[in-house]
Amino acid sequence: MTEEIDKEVITIFKETNALLTGHFILRSGLRSGHFFQCAQVCQYMDKVTRLAELLISKLQIAKPNTIVSPAMGGLVLGQEIARQLNCRFIFLEKVDDKLALRRNFSLSQKDQVLLVEDVVTKGGRVSEALAILKGTECNVCGVTALVDRSTEKLEFDVPFNPLLKLNFPTYNPEELPEELKAIKPIKPGS
């Protein structure tokens, strides 16, 4: 079943031009020959609906009542997951390139939170979001993402259930393979 789901997800990414090839500068500063431009798939609500259905089917956590997503990448997916699970949806946004809980959003001990992100490479944005959530009274029941492209084990102290796990190689800028050195790098944004 997982293999079928993986194929369907990759097909959706390819059909929507969300899976790109070239030379990319990732948010982590690493470089890669592959990039997930999730904003491309988020143009098509039927695709977002299907990805959310597939992701929900893979969750192995207690049922949340609140979905939180970091801006910008997780917003559309997080809102759709909240709609399908009949949960409240709030988001964290960037202030001086750091995430913040704003707009009078608040979380209490009644909130069972699922953190929803689009793509995780090193887990920095997820860790930043979790630190904010742990500074409230909420209970974080898990983290999910469309794509986990990490190459090392991620430690979030809560269950992490990504929809798709892909290990495209990433490189430090000073350790690029020849095929990437030959291509001008771009930073398309998440």
N, C-alpha and C. Protein backbone atom coordinates (compact mmCIF):
# COMPACT_ATOMS: atom_id res chain seq x y z
N MET A 1 0.83 -1.20 0.00
CA MET A 1 0.00 0.00 0.00
C MET A 1 0.87 1.26 0.00
N THR A 2 1.93 1.26 0.84
CA THR A 2 2.80 2.44 0.91
C THR A 2 3.45 2.73 -0.43
N GLU A 3 3.86 1.69 -1.14
CA GLU A 3 4.49 1.89 -2.44
C GLU A 3 3.51 2.53 -3.43
N GLU A 4 2.26 2.09 -3.39
CA GLU A 4 1.23 2.67 -4.25
C GLU A 4 0.99 4.14 -3.91
N ILE A 5 0.94 4.45 -2.62
CA ILE A 5 0.76 5.83 -2.19
C ILE A 5 1.94 6.68 -2.64
N ASP A 6 3.17 6.17 -2.45
CA ASP A 6 4.36 6.91 -2.87
C ASP A 6 4.30 7.22 -4.37
N LYS A 7 3.93 6.25 -5.18
CA LYS A 7 3.83 6.46 -6.63
C LYS A 7 2.79 7.52 -6.97
N GLU A 8 1.64 7.45 -6.29
CA GLU A 8 0.59 8.44 -6.53
C GLU A 8 1.06 9.85 -6.17
N VAL A 9 1.73 9.97 -5.04
CA VAL A 9 2.22 11.28 -4.59
C VAL A 9 3.25 11.83 -5.58
N ILE A 10 4.19 11.01 -6.00
CA ILE A 10 5.21 11.45 -6.97
C ILE A 10 4.56 11.85 -8.28
N THR A 11 3.55 11.09 -8.71
CA THR A 11 2.82 11.44 -9.94
C THR A 11 2.16 12.80 -9.80
N ILE A 12 1.54 13.06 -8.68
CA ILE A 12 0.90 14.36 -8.45
C ILE A 12 1.94 15.47 -8.50
N PHE A 13 3.08 15.27 -7.86
CA PHE A 13 4.14 16.28 -7.89
C PHE A 13 4.64 16.53 -9.31
N LYS A 14 4.83 15.48 -10.07
CA LYS A 14 5.31 15.65 -11.45
C LYS A 14 4.27 16.32 -12.33
N GLU A 15 3.00 15.92 -12.21
CA GLU A 15 1.93 16.49 -13.02
C GLU A 15 1.75 17.99 -12.79
N THR A 16 2.07 18.45 -11.60
CA THR A 16 1.87 19.86 -11.25
C THR A 16 3.16 20.67 -11.31
N ASN A 17 4.23 20.06 -11.81
CA ASN A 17 5.55 20.70 -11.88
C ASN A 17 6.07 21.11 -10.51
N ALA A 18 5.72 20.34 -9.50
CA ALA A 18 6.17 20.62 -8.15
C ALA A 18 7.49 19.93 -7.82
N LEU A 19 7.88 18.95 -8.62
CA LEU A 19 9.16 18.27 -8.43
C LEU A 19 10.08 18.75 -9.54
N LEU A 20 11.06 19.57 -9.17
CA LEU A 20 11.94 20.21 -10.13
C LEU A 20 13.33 19.59 -10.11
N THR A 21 14.03 19.68 -11.24
CA THR A 21 15.43 19.28 -11.29
C THR A 21 16.26 20.45 -11.77
N GLY A 22 17.49 20.54 -11.30
CA GLY A 22 18.40 21.63 -11.62
C GLY A 22 19.45 21.74 -10.53
N HIS A 23 19.79 22.97 -10.12
CA HIS A 23 20.73 23.22 -9.03
C HIS A 23 20.06 24.22 -8.09
N PHE A 24 19.69 23.74 -6.92
CA PHE A 24 18.88 24.54 -6.01
C PHE A 24 19.58 24.81 -4.69
N ILE A 25 19.37 26.02 -4.17
CA ILE A 25 19.83 26.39 -2.83
C ILE A 25 18.63 26.19 -1.91
N LEU A 26 18.75 25.25 -0.99
CA LEU A 26 17.66 24.95 -0.06
C LEU A 26 17.66 25.94 1.09
N ARG A 27 16.53 26.04 1.79
CA ARG A 27 16.42 26.95 2.94
C ARG A 27 17.50 26.66 3.96
N SER A 28 17.91 25.40 4.07
CA SER A 28 18.95 25.00 5.02
C SER A 28 20.34 25.50 4.61
N GLY A 29 20.47 26.00 3.37
CA GLY A 29 21.77 26.42 2.85
C GLY A 29 22.44 25.32 2.04
N LEU A 30 21.94 24.11 2.17
CA LEU A 30 22.48 23.01 1.38
C LEU A 30 22.06 23.15 -0.08
N ARG A 31 22.73 22.39 -0.95
CA ARG A 31 22.41 22.41 -2.38
C ARG A 31 21.86 21.04 -2.78
N SER A 32 21.04 21.04 -3.82
CA SER A 32 20.46 19.80 -4.31
C SER A 32 20.15 19.90 -5.79
N GLY A 33 20.10 18.76 -6.45
CA GLY A 33 19.70 18.69 -7.84
C GLY A 33 18.20 18.50 -7.99
N HIS A 34 17.48 18.38 -6.86
CA HIS A 34 16.03 18.22 -6.87
C HIS A 34 15.41 19.20 -5.87
N PHE A 35 14.22 19.68 -6.21
CA PHE A 35 13.54 20.64 -5.35
C PHE A 35 12.05 20.38 -5.38
N PHE A 36 11.43 20.39 -4.21
CA PHE A 36 9.98 20.29 -4.13
C PHE A 36 9.42 21.69 -4.00
N GLN A 37 8.77 22.16 -5.04
CA GLN A 37 8.12 23.48 -5.05
C GLN A 37 6.64 23.24 -4.76
N CYS A 38 6.33 23.03 -3.49
CA CYS A 38 4.98 22.65 -3.10
C CYS A 38 3.94 23.69 -3.47
N ALA A 39 4.34 24.94 -3.62
CA ALA A 39 3.39 25.98 -4.03
C ALA A 39 2.77 25.63 -5.39
N GLN A 40 3.52 24.92 -6.23
CA GLN A 40 2.99 24.52 -7.54
C GLN A 40 1.81 23.56 -7.39
N VAL A 41 1.94 22.57 -6.54
CA VAL A 41 0.85 21.62 -6.35
C VAL A 41 -0.33 22.29 -5.65
N CYS A 42 -0.05 23.30 -4.83
CA CYS A 42 -1.12 23.96 -4.06
C CYS A 42 -2.01 24.85 -4.91
N GLN A 43 -1.70 25.00 -6.19
CA GLN A 43 -2.58 25.72 -7.11
C GLN A 43 -3.83 24.91 -7.44
N TYR A 44 -3.76 23.61 -7.24
CA TYR A 44 -4.80 22.69 -7.67
C TYR A 44 -5.46 22.05 -6.45
N MET A 45 -6.61 22.58 -6.08
CA MET A 45 -7.24 22.14 -4.84
C MET A 45 -7.63 20.66 -4.86
N ASP A 46 -7.93 20.11 -6.04
CA ASP A 46 -8.22 18.68 -6.08
C ASP A 46 -6.98 17.87 -5.70
N LYS A 47 -5.81 18.34 -6.08
CA LYS A 47 -4.56 17.65 -5.73
C LYS A 47 -4.27 17.82 -4.24
N VAL A 48 -4.49 19.03 -3.72
CA VAL A 48 -4.27 19.28 -2.29
C VAL A 48 -5.22 18.40 -1.46
N THR A 49 -6.47 18.31 -1.90
CA THR A 49 -7.44 17.48 -1.20
C THR A 49 -6.97 16.03 -1.16
N ARG A 50 -6.50 15.54 -2.29
CA ARG A 50 -6.04 14.15 -2.34
C ARG A 50 -4.79 13.94 -1.49
N LEU A 51 -3.83 14.85 -1.57
CA LEU A 51 -2.62 14.72 -0.75
C LEU A 51 -2.96 14.72 0.74
N ALA A 52 -3.89 15.59 1.13
CA ALA A 52 -4.32 15.64 2.54
C ALA A 52 -4.98 14.33 2.94
N GLU A 53 -5.82 13.77 2.09
CA GLU A 53 -6.46 12.47 2.38
C GLU A 53 -5.40 11.39 2.60
N LEU A 54 -4.43 11.34 1.70
CA LEU A 54 -3.37 10.34 1.81
C LEU A 54 -2.55 10.54 3.07
N LEU A 55 -2.23 11.80 3.37
CA LEU A 55 -1.43 12.10 4.56
C LEU A 55 -2.20 11.71 5.83
N ILE A 56 -3.46 12.06 5.91
CA ILE A 56 -4.27 11.73 7.08
C ILE A 56 -4.32 10.21 7.29
N SER A 57 -4.41 9.47 6.19
CA SER A 57 -4.47 8.00 6.29
C SER A 57 -3.20 7.41 6.87
N LYS A 58 -2.09 8.13 6.79
CA LYS A 58 -0.81 7.63 7.31
C LYS A 58 -0.50 8.09 8.73
N LEU A 59 -1.30 9.01 9.27
CA LEU A 59 -1.01 9.53 10.61
C LEU A 59 -1.15 8.44 11.66
N GLN A 60 -0.20 8.41 12.55
CA GLN A 60 -0.21 7.44 13.65
C GLN A 60 -0.13 8.21 14.97
N ILE A 61 -1.10 9.08 15.18
CA ILE A 61 -1.11 9.93 16.37
C ILE A 61 -2.53 10.02 16.91
N ALA A 62 -2.66 10.57 18.12
CA ALA A 62 -3.96 10.86 18.67
C ALA A 62 -4.62 11.94 17.81
N LYS A 63 -5.94 11.90 17.71
CA LYS A 63 -6.65 12.86 16.87
C LYS A 63 -6.46 14.28 17.39
N PRO A 64 -5.96 15.16 16.53
CA PRO A 64 -5.79 16.56 16.94
C PRO A 64 -7.11 17.32 16.89
N ASN A 65 -7.16 18.46 17.57
CA ASN A 65 -8.30 19.37 17.41
C ASN A 65 -7.84 20.73 16.88
N THR A 66 -6.54 20.89 16.73
CA THR A 66 -5.96 22.12 16.20
C THR A 66 -4.80 21.77 15.28
N ILE A 67 -4.79 22.40 14.12
CA ILE A 67 -3.70 22.24 13.17
C ILE A 67 -2.93 23.55 13.13
N VAL A 68 -1.61 23.47 13.20
CA VAL A 68 -0.75 24.64 13.12
C VAL A 68 0.25 24.42 11.99
N SER A 69 0.43 25.44 11.16
CA SER A 69 1.40 25.36 10.07
C SER A 69 2.29 26.58 10.08
N PRO A 70 3.58 26.39 9.79
CA PRO A 70 4.46 27.54 9.60
C PRO A 70 4.25 28.14 8.21
N ALA A 71 4.25 29.46 8.14
CA ALA A 71 4.14 30.13 6.85
C ALA A 71 5.48 30.02 6.14
N MET A 72 5.48 29.92 4.93
CA MET A 72 4.40 29.92 3.98
C MET A 72 4.05 28.51 3.55
N GLY A 73 5.05 27.64 3.51
CA GLY A 73 4.90 26.34 2.89
C GLY A 73 3.75 25.49 3.36
N GLY A 74 3.48 25.46 4.65
CA GLY A 74 2.47 24.55 5.17
C GLY A 74 1.06 25.09 5.21
N LEU A 75 0.85 26.33 4.79
CA LEU A 75 -0.47 26.95 4.98
C LEU A 75 -1.61 26.24 4.26
N VAL A 76 -1.48 26.05 2.97
CA VAL A 76 -2.59 25.47 2.19
C VAL A 76 -2.85 24.04 2.64
N LEU A 77 -1.80 23.25 2.78
CA LEU A 77 -1.96 21.86 3.21
C LEU A 77 -2.53 21.80 4.62
N GLY A 78 -2.00 22.61 5.52
CA GLY A 78 -2.50 22.61 6.90
C GLY A 78 -3.97 22.96 6.98
N GLN A 79 -4.38 23.94 6.19
CA GLN A 79 -5.78 24.33 6.20
C GLN A 79 -6.67 23.22 5.66
N GLU A 80 -6.21 22.53 4.62
CA GLU A 80 -7.01 21.42 4.07
C GLU A 80 -7.09 20.25 5.04
N ILE A 81 -6.00 19.95 5.72
CA ILE A 81 -6.03 18.88 6.72
C ILE A 81 -6.99 19.26 7.85
N ALA A 82 -6.94 20.51 8.27
CA ALA A 82 -7.87 20.98 9.31
C ALA A 82 -9.32 20.85 8.84
N ARG A 83 -9.58 21.18 7.58
CA ARG A 83 -10.94 21.06 7.04
C ARG A 83 -11.40 19.61 7.08
N GLN A 84 -10.54 18.71 6.60
CA GLN A 84 -10.93 17.30 6.55
C GLN A 84 -11.09 16.67 7.93
N LEU A 85 -10.30 17.13 8.89
CA LEU A 85 -10.39 16.60 10.26
C LEU A 85 -11.35 17.40 11.14
N ASN A 86 -11.93 18.45 10.58
CA ASN A 86 -12.84 19.32 11.33
C ASN A 86 -12.15 19.93 12.55
N CYS A 87 -10.96 20.47 12.31
CA CYS A 87 -10.15 21.08 13.37
C CYS A 87 -10.03 22.59 13.16
N ARG A 88 -9.63 23.26 14.20
CA ARG A 88 -9.27 24.67 14.10
C ARG A 88 -7.92 24.75 13.40
N PHE A 89 -7.70 25.83 12.65
CA PHE A 89 -6.43 26.02 11.96
C PHE A 89 -5.84 27.38 12.30
N ILE A 90 -4.58 27.39 12.71
CA ILE A 90 -3.85 28.64 12.90
C ILE A 90 -2.47 28.48 12.28
N PHE A 91 -1.77 29.58 12.14
CA PHE A 91 -0.45 29.51 11.52
C PHE A 91 0.55 30.37 12.26
N LEU A 92 1.80 30.00 12.07
CA LEU A 92 2.93 30.78 12.55
C LEU A 92 3.46 31.54 11.35
N GLU A 93 3.88 32.77 11.55
CA GLU A 93 4.38 33.56 10.43
C GLU A 93 5.76 34.12 10.73
N LYS A 94 6.44 34.49 9.67
CA LYS A 94 7.79 35.02 9.81
C LYS A 94 7.76 36.49 10.23
N VAL A 95 8.60 36.79 11.22
CA VAL A 95 8.85 38.16 11.64
C VAL A 95 10.37 38.26 11.71
N ASP A 96 10.96 39.09 10.85
CA ASP A 96 12.43 39.19 10.77
C ASP A 96 13.05 37.81 10.57
N ASP A 97 12.45 37.02 9.69
CA ASP A 97 12.89 35.68 9.29
C ASP A 97 12.86 34.66 10.42
N LYS A 98 12.10 34.94 11.47
CA LYS A 98 11.89 33.96 12.54
C LYS A 98 10.38 33.77 12.69
N LEU A 99 9.98 32.55 13.01
CA LEU A 99 8.57 32.27 13.18
C LEU A 99 8.04 32.91 14.46
N ALA A 100 6.76 33.30 14.41
CA ALA A 100 6.11 33.89 15.57
C ALA A 100 4.62 33.53 15.56
N LEU A 101 4.06 33.42 16.74
CA LEU A 101 2.62 33.24 16.91
C LEU A 101 2.03 34.63 17.07
N ARG A 102 1.26 35.08 16.08
CA ARG A 102 0.74 36.45 16.06
C ARG A 102 -0.76 36.46 15.84
N ARG A 103 -1.29 37.62 15.51
CA ARG A 103 -2.69 37.83 15.13
C ARG A 103 -3.67 37.42 16.24
N ASN A 104 -3.22 37.54 17.45
CA ASN A 104 -4.03 37.16 18.62
C ASN A 104 -4.40 35.69 18.65
N PHE A 105 -3.67 34.85 17.89
CA PHE A 105 -3.87 33.41 18.01
C PHE A 105 -3.36 33.01 19.39
N SER A 106 -4.04 32.06 19.99
CA SER A 106 -3.57 31.54 21.28
C SER A 106 -3.84 30.04 21.33
N LEU A 107 -3.08 29.38 22.16
CA LEU A 107 -3.21 27.94 22.35
C LEU A 107 -3.31 27.68 23.84
N SER A 108 -4.21 26.77 24.21
CA SER A 108 -4.39 26.43 25.62
C SER A 108 -4.16 24.94 25.82
N GLN A 109 -4.32 24.50 27.06
CA GLN A 109 -4.13 23.09 27.36
C GLN A 109 -5.19 22.21 26.70
N LYS A 110 -6.26 22.80 26.20
CA LYS A 110 -7.30 22.04 25.49
C LYS A 110 -6.88 21.69 24.05
N ASP A 111 -5.85 22.36 23.56
CA ASP A 111 -5.43 22.17 22.17
C ASP A 111 -4.52 20.96 22.02
N GLN A 112 -4.97 20.00 21.21
CA GLN A 112 -4.18 18.84 20.79
C GLN A 112 -3.69 19.18 19.39
N VAL A 113 -2.43 19.59 19.26
CA VAL A 113 -1.92 20.20 18.04
C VAL A 113 -1.17 19.21 17.15
N LEU A 114 -1.50 19.27 15.87
CA LEU A 114 -0.71 18.61 14.83
C LEU A 114 -0.02 19.71 14.05
N LEU A 115 1.30 19.66 13.98
CA LEU A 115 2.08 20.62 13.22
C LEU A 115 2.23 20.08 11.80
N VAL A 116 1.85 20.89 10.80
CA VAL A 116 1.86 20.48 9.40
C VAL A 116 2.82 21.36 8.61
N GLU A 117 3.78 20.72 7.94
CA GLU A 117 4.77 21.42 7.11
C GLU A 117 4.72 20.82 5.71
N ASP A 118 5.29 21.51 4.73
CA ASP A 118 5.29 20.96 3.38
C ASP A 118 6.48 20.02 3.18
N VAL A 119 7.70 20.52 3.30
CA VAL A 119 8.90 19.72 3.07
C VAL A 119 9.86 19.90 4.25
N VAL A 120 10.43 18.79 4.70
CA VAL A 120 11.42 18.82 5.77
C VAL A 120 12.74 18.29 5.22
N THR A 121 13.80 19.09 5.36
CA THR A 121 15.13 18.65 4.91
C THR A 121 16.03 18.39 6.11
N LYS A 122 16.21 19.39 6.94
CA LYS A 122 17.02 19.22 8.15
C LYS A 122 16.18 19.38 9.42
N GLY A 123 14.96 19.86 9.28
CA GLY A 123 14.06 19.99 10.41
C GLY A 123 14.15 21.30 11.16
N GLY A 124 14.88 22.27 10.63
CA GLY A 124 15.07 23.54 11.33
C GLY A 124 13.80 24.32 11.56
N ARG A 125 12.97 24.45 10.53
CA ARG A 125 11.73 25.21 10.66
C ARG A 125 10.75 24.48 11.57
N VAL A 126 10.72 23.14 11.50
CA VAL A 126 9.85 22.37 12.39
C VAL A 126 10.31 22.54 13.84
N SER A 127 11.60 22.45 14.08
CA SER A 127 12.12 22.64 15.44
C SER A 127 11.80 24.03 15.97
N GLU A 128 11.92 25.03 15.11
CA GLU A 128 11.59 26.40 15.50
C GLU A 128 10.10 26.51 15.86
N ALA A 129 9.25 25.88 15.06
CA ALA A 129 7.81 25.91 15.32
C ALA A 129 7.48 25.16 16.61
N LEU A 130 8.11 24.00 16.81
CA LEU A 130 7.86 23.23 18.03
C LEU A 130 8.26 24.01 19.28
N ALA A 131 9.35 24.76 19.20
CA ALA A 131 9.78 25.57 20.36
C ALA A 131 8.72 26.59 20.72
N ILE A 132 8.10 27.18 19.71
CA ILE A 132 7.02 28.16 19.95
C ILE A 132 5.83 27.45 20.59
N LEU A 133 5.44 26.31 20.03
CA LEU A 133 4.28 25.58 20.55
C LEU A 133 4.52 25.11 21.97
N LYS A 134 5.73 24.66 22.27
CA LYS A 134 6.04 24.18 23.61
C LYS A 134 6.09 25.32 24.62
N GLY A 135 6.16 26.56 24.13
CA GLY A 135 6.09 27.73 25.00
C GLY A 135 4.66 28.09 25.36
N THR A 136 3.70 27.34 24.85
CA THR A 136 2.29 27.55 25.20
C THR A 136 1.85 26.38 26.06
N GLU A 137 0.57 26.34 26.39
CA GLU A 137 0.04 25.25 27.21
C GLU A 137 -0.48 24.08 26.38
N CYS A 138 -0.37 24.15 25.06
CA CYS A 138 -0.94 23.11 24.20
C CYS A 138 -0.17 21.79 24.32
N ASN A 139 -0.79 20.74 23.83
CA ASN A 139 -0.15 19.43 23.74
C ASN A 139 0.12 19.16 22.26
N VAL A 140 1.37 19.03 21.89
CA VAL A 140 1.72 18.72 20.50
C VAL A 140 1.68 17.21 20.34
N CYS A 141 0.71 16.73 19.56
CA CYS A 141 0.56 15.28 19.41
C CYS A 141 1.36 14.72 18.25
N GLY A 142 1.86 15.59 17.36
CA GLY A 142 2.68 15.08 16.27
C GLY A 142 3.04 16.14 15.25
N VAL A 143 3.89 15.71 14.32
CA VAL A 143 4.34 16.54 13.20
C VAL A 143 4.13 15.72 11.94
N THR A 144 3.71 16.39 10.88
CA THR A 144 3.61 15.73 9.59
C THR A 144 4.09 16.68 8.50
N ALA A 145 4.40 16.10 7.35
CA ALA A 145 4.85 16.87 6.19
C ALA A 145 4.51 16.09 4.94
N LEU A 146 4.38 16.80 3.84
CA LEU A 146 4.20 16.10 2.57
C LEU A 146 5.43 15.26 2.26
N VAL A 147 6.62 15.89 2.39
CA VAL A 147 7.85 15.22 2.00
C VAL A 147 8.90 15.35 3.10
N ASP A 148 9.48 14.22 3.47
CA ASP A 148 10.64 14.18 4.35
C ASP A 148 11.83 13.83 3.47
N ARG A 149 12.69 14.81 3.21
CA ARG A 149 13.87 14.56 2.39
C ARG A 149 15.14 14.57 3.23
N SER A 150 14.98 14.36 4.53
CA SER A 150 16.14 14.36 5.43
C SER A 150 17.03 13.15 5.16
N THR A 151 18.30 13.34 5.44
CA THR A 151 19.25 12.24 5.29
C THR A 151 19.73 11.72 6.65
N GLU A 152 19.44 12.48 7.70
CA GLU A 152 19.80 12.07 9.05
C GLU A 152 18.53 11.93 9.87
N LYS A 153 18.61 11.18 10.96
CA LYS A 153 17.44 10.99 11.82
C LYS A 153 17.05 12.32 12.45
N LEU A 154 15.79 12.65 12.33
CA LEU A 154 15.27 13.89 12.91
C LEU A 154 14.74 13.62 14.31
N GLU A 155 15.04 14.52 15.22
CA GLU A 155 14.62 14.39 16.62
C GLU A 155 13.66 15.53 16.94
N PHE A 156 12.37 15.23 16.97
CA PHE A 156 11.38 16.26 17.27
C PHE A 156 10.72 16.05 18.64
N ASP A 157 10.98 14.98 19.34
CA ASP A 157 10.38 14.66 20.64
C ASP A 157 8.88 14.43 20.57
N VAL A 158 8.32 14.36 19.37
CA VAL A 158 6.92 14.00 19.13
C VAL A 158 6.92 13.13 17.87
N PRO A 159 5.88 12.32 17.67
CA PRO A 159 5.84 11.48 16.46
C PRO A 159 5.90 12.33 15.18
N PHE A 160 6.64 11.83 14.20
CA PHE A 160 6.77 12.48 12.89
C PHE A 160 6.30 11.48 11.84
N ASN A 161 5.21 11.83 11.14
CA ASN A 161 4.63 10.98 10.11
C ASN A 161 4.55 11.72 8.79
N PRO A 162 5.59 11.66 7.97
CA PRO A 162 5.52 12.30 6.65
C PRO A 162 4.74 11.43 5.67
N LEU A 163 4.20 12.06 4.64
CA LEU A 163 3.51 11.32 3.60
C LEU A 163 4.50 10.56 2.73
N LEU A 164 5.59 11.21 2.36
CA LEU A 164 6.55 10.62 1.43
C LEU A 164 7.96 10.83 1.97
N LYS A 165 8.76 9.78 1.92
CA LYS A 165 10.17 9.86 2.33
C LYS A 165 11.02 9.66 1.09
N LEU A 166 11.77 10.70 0.71
CA LEU A 166 12.69 10.62 -0.42
C LEU A 166 14.03 11.16 -0.01
N ASN A 167 15.08 10.50 -0.43
CA ASN A 167 16.42 10.93 -0.07
C ASN A 167 17.19 11.39 -1.29
N PHE A 168 16.83 12.55 -1.81
CA PHE A 168 17.66 13.15 -2.84
C PHE A 168 18.91 13.68 -2.15
N PRO A 169 20.07 13.46 -2.72
CA PRO A 169 21.29 13.93 -2.06
C PRO A 169 21.32 15.45 -1.92
N THR A 170 21.88 15.90 -0.81
CA THR A 170 22.13 17.33 -0.60
C THR A 170 23.62 17.50 -0.37
N TYR A 171 24.11 18.71 -0.67
CA TYR A 171 25.55 18.96 -0.61
C TYR A 171 25.83 20.31 0.03
N ASN A 172 26.95 20.41 0.73
CA ASN A 172 27.45 21.70 1.16
C ASN A 172 27.92 22.45 -0.08
N PRO A 173 27.78 23.77 -0.13
CA PRO A 173 28.15 24.53 -1.33
C PRO A 173 29.60 24.31 -1.78
N GLU A 174 30.50 24.04 -0.84
CA GLU A 174 31.90 23.84 -1.21
C GLU A 174 32.22 22.39 -1.58
N GLU A 175 31.21 21.51 -1.57
CA GLU A 175 31.42 20.09 -1.88
C GLU A 175 30.48 19.60 -2.98
N LEU A 176 30.25 20.45 -3.99
CA LEU A 176 29.30 20.11 -5.04
C LEU A 176 29.88 19.10 -6.03
N PRO A 177 29.04 18.18 -6.52
CA PRO A 177 29.49 17.31 -7.60
C PRO A 177 29.60 18.13 -8.89
N GLU A 178 30.35 17.63 -9.84
CA GLU A 178 30.61 18.36 -11.08
C GLU A 178 29.33 18.73 -11.82
N GLU A 179 28.34 17.82 -11.84
CA GLU A 179 27.11 18.13 -12.59
C GLU A 179 26.35 19.33 -12.01
N LEU A 180 26.45 19.57 -10.70
CA LEU A 180 25.81 20.75 -10.12
C LEU A 180 26.66 21.99 -10.30
N LYS A 181 27.98 21.84 -10.26
CA LYS A 181 28.86 22.99 -10.48
C LYS A 181 28.61 23.62 -11.85
N ALA A 182 28.18 22.82 -12.81
CA ALA A 182 27.97 23.28 -14.18
C ALA A 182 26.65 24.04 -14.36
N ILE A 183 25.81 24.04 -13.33
CA ILE A 183 24.49 24.69 -13.42
C ILE A 183 24.44 25.85 -12.43
N LYS A 184 23.96 27.00 -12.88
CA LYS A 184 23.82 28.16 -11.99
C LYS A 184 22.77 27.83 -10.93
N PRO A 185 23.11 28.04 -9.64
CA PRO A 185 22.14 27.73 -8.58
C PRO A 185 21.03 28.77 -8.49
N ILE A 186 19.84 28.30 -8.13
CA ILE A 186 18.73 29.21 -7.89
C ILE A 186 18.10 28.87 -6.54
N LYS A 187 17.44 29.85 -5.96
CA LYS A 187 16.74 29.67 -4.70
C LYS A 187 15.26 29.97 -4.95
N PRO A 188 14.50 28.92 -5.33
CA PRO A 188 13.12 29.15 -5.72
C PRO A 188 12.17 29.50 -4.59
N GLY A 189 12.52 29.22 -3.36
CA GLY A 189 11.63 29.49 -2.22
C GLY A 189 10.71 28.31 -1.99
N SER A 190 10.29 28.14 -0.74
CA SER A 190 9.46 26.97 -0.41
C SER A 190 8.00 27.25 -0.67
